Amino acid sequence: MTELDIAEVAHRAGVPASTLRYYEEKGLISSTGRRGLRRQYDPGVLERLALIALGRTAGFSLDEIAHMFAPDGRPRIDRQRLAAKADELDQRIRELGVLRDSLRHAAACPAPSHLECPTFRRLLDAAASGAVAPPRKRAPKPP
């Protein structure tokens, strides 16, 4: 297969060209050169981009993802790190399930005011104590 230019990679990977340039700056991918002003990539970059997308979806930072590749570019994914991330996701799923159930109750609660509803008050107390935390902030998307 021939090399792909940046526009083709961006289109096939579903990311803007600016993201590809950013990933290249971060050392996550590398171009094979240029044809005119356009960067060229080996077709294998698409699989690497899919791994990066999967890692981002799972909540890994770009730095964590970078450590999942050997210097030769092959994946070297730490199974313990994957298990730890799965445990984090399990915890977040439990938290979100409690939050969902509380919100459903509050939406249907017959109390005259949400503040008079004991279930809603428990949800507020949990939020105030940090037990119901917002999702972890992700690094901003590249320009």
Protein backbone atom coordinates (compact mmCIF):
# COMPACT_ATOMS: atom_id res chain seq x y z
CA MET A 1 0.00 0.00 0.00
CA THR A 2 1.27 3.47 -0.77
CA GLU A 3 1.78 6.23 1.71
CA LEU A 4 -1.18 8.35 2.73
CA ASP A 5 -1.13 12.11 2.87
CA ILE A 6 -2.30 13.98 5.95
CA ALA A 7 -5.75 14.75 4.48
CA GLU A 8 -6.41 11.06 3.75
CA VAL A 9 -5.24 9.98 7.21
CA ALA A 10 -7.37 12.68 8.83
CA HIS A 11 -10.41 11.61 6.82
CA ARG A 12 -9.97 7.87 7.47
CA ALA A 13 -9.16 8.31 11.16
CA GLY A 14 -11.96 10.83 11.70
CA VAL A 15 -9.72 13.46 13.28
CA PRO A 16 -8.70 16.90 12.07
CA ALA A 17 -5.27 17.36 10.52
CA SER A 18 -4.39 19.61 13.47
CA THR A 19 -4.78 16.59 15.77
CA LEU A 20 -2.37 14.59 13.61
CA ARG A 21 0.16 17.41 13.79
CA TYR A 22 -0.34 17.63 17.57
CA TYR A 23 0.10 13.86 17.97
CA GLU A 24 3.26 14.11 15.91
CA GLU A 25 4.57 16.89 18.20
CA LYS A 26 3.82 14.66 21.20
CA GLY A 27 5.69 11.76 19.59
CA LEU A 28 2.60 9.56 19.32
CA ILE A 29 2.84 9.23 15.53
CA SER A 30 5.42 10.16 12.94
CA SER A 31 5.23 11.07 9.31
CA THR A 32 7.46 9.42 6.76
CA GLY A 33 8.19 12.70 5.00
CA ARG A 34 6.48 15.24 2.81
CA ARG A 35 5.15 15.45 -0.68
CA GLY A 36 5.17 19.16 -1.36
CA LEU A 37 3.75 20.74 1.78
CA ARG A 38 1.70 17.69 2.78
CA ARG A 39 2.91 15.25 5.38
CA GLN A 40 2.93 11.61 4.36
CA TYR A 41 2.20 8.66 6.63
CA ASP A 42 2.65 4.92 6.45
CA PRO A 43 -0.77 3.20 6.32
CA GLY A 44 0.07 1.57 9.69
CA VAL A 45 -0.54 4.96 11.31
CA LEU A 46 -4.28 4.24 11.07
CA GLU A 47 -3.99 1.31 13.47
CA ARG A 48 -1.89 3.41 15.81
CA LEU A 49 -4.50 6.18 15.69
CA ALA A 50 -7.20 3.61 16.50
CA LEU A 51 -5.18 2.53 19.56
CA ILE A 52 -4.80 6.17 20.61
CA ALA A 53 -8.54 6.74 20.20
CA LEU A 54 -9.31 3.64 22.26
CA GLY A 55 -6.94 4.78 24.98
CA ARG A 56 -8.48 8.26 25.05
CA THR A 57 -11.98 6.78 25.24
CA ALA A 58 -10.89 4.61 28.17
CA GLY A 59 -9.63 7.73 29.94
CA PHE A 60 -5.88 7.43 29.47
CA SER A 61 -3.92 10.66 29.02
CA LEU A 62 -1.82 11.18 25.93
CA ASP A 63 1.31 10.79 28.06
CA GLU A 64 0.03 7.46 29.38
CA ILE A 65 -0.76 6.36 25.84
CA ALA A 66 2.71 7.39 24.67
CA HIS A 67 4.19 4.95 27.20
CA MET A 68 2.10 2.18 25.66
CA PHE A 69 4.32 2.15 22.58
CA ALA A 70 7.85 0.80 22.36
CA PRO A 71 10.53 2.97 20.72
CA ASP A 72 10.00 1.02 17.48
CA GLY A 73 6.32 2.06 17.50
CA ARG A 74 4.89 -1.33 18.39
CA PRO A 75 2.32 -1.51 21.16
CA ARG A 76 3.61 -2.60 24.57
CA ILE A 77 0.53 -2.33 26.69
CA ASP A 78 0.93 -2.98 30.40
CA ARG A 79 -1.81 -5.41 31.38
CA GLN A 80 -1.77 -4.23 34.99
CA ARG A 81 -2.36 -0.66 33.83
CA LEU A 82 -5.34 -1.89 31.78
CA ALA A 83 -6.73 -3.76 34.79
CA ALA A 84 -6.31 -0.68 36.99
CA LYS A 85 -8.12 1.49 34.43
CA ALA A 86 -10.92 -1.09 34.22
CA ASP A 87 -11.22 -0.91 38.03
CA GLU A 88 -11.46 2.90 37.81
CA LEU A 89 -14.18 2.57 35.19
CA ASP A 90 -16.07 0.07 37.37
CA GLN A 91 -16.00 2.57 40.24
CA ARG A 92 -17.16 5.41 37.99
CA ILE A 93 -19.97 3.24 36.60
CA ARG A 94 -21.15 2.51 40.15
CA GLU A 95 -21.06 6.22 41.01
CA LEU A 96 -22.95 7.12 37.85
CA GLY A 97 -25.54 4.43 38.54
CA VAL A 98 -26.23 5.89 41.98
CA LEU A 99 -26.39 9.38 40.50
CA ARG A 100 -28.76 8.24 37.73
CA ASP A 101 -31.06 6.51 40.20
CA SER A 102 -31.10 9.54 42.48
CA LEU A 103 -31.92 11.87 39.62
CA ARG A 104 -34.71 9.59 38.41
CA HIS A 105 -36.13 9.55 41.93
CA ALA A 106 -35.89 13.33 42.22
CA ALA A 107 -37.64 13.74 38.87
CA ALA A 108 -40.60 11.65 40.06
CA CYS A 109 -40.52 12.51 43.77
CA PRO A 110 -43.91 13.61 45.14
CA ALA A 111 -42.31 15.95 47.71
CA PRO A 112 -43.46 19.56 47.22
CA SER A 113 -39.84 20.68 46.78
CA HIS A 114 -36.70 18.79 45.89
CA LEU A 115 -35.11 20.19 49.03
CA GLU A 116 -37.82 18.46 51.07
CA CYS A 117 -37.06 15.08 49.48
CA PRO A 118 -34.82 12.92 51.72
CA THR A 119 -33.32 11.11 48.73
CA PHE A 120 -32.47 14.39 47.00
CA ARG A 121 -30.99 15.73 50.27
CA ARG A 122 -28.73 12.65 50.47
CA LEU A 123 -27.62 13.32 46.90
CA LEU A 124 -26.81 16.92 47.82
CA ASP A 125 -24.88 15.79 50.90
CA ALA A 126 -22.93 13.29 48.82
CA ALA A 127 -22.10 15.99 46.27
CA ALA A 128 -21.01 18.37 49.02
CA SER A 129 -18.72 15.73 50.53
CA GLY A 130 -17.17 14.84 47.19
CA ALA A 131 -18.67 11.35 47.13
CA VAL A 132 -20.43 12.23 43.89
CA ALA A 133 -17.64 13.83 41.93
CA PRO A 134 -17.72 15.20 38.41
CA PRO A 135 -15.76 13.22 35.84
CA ARG A 136 -12.03 13.76 35.80
CA LYS A 137 -11.05 16.64 33.55
CA ARG A 138 -9.37 15.54 30.35
CA ALA A 139 -6.57 17.45 28.78
CA PRO A 140 -7.94 19.95 26.29
CA LYS A 141 -8.27 18.74 22.74
CA PRO A 142 -5.57 20.00 20.44
CA PRO A 143 -6.42 22.96 18.24
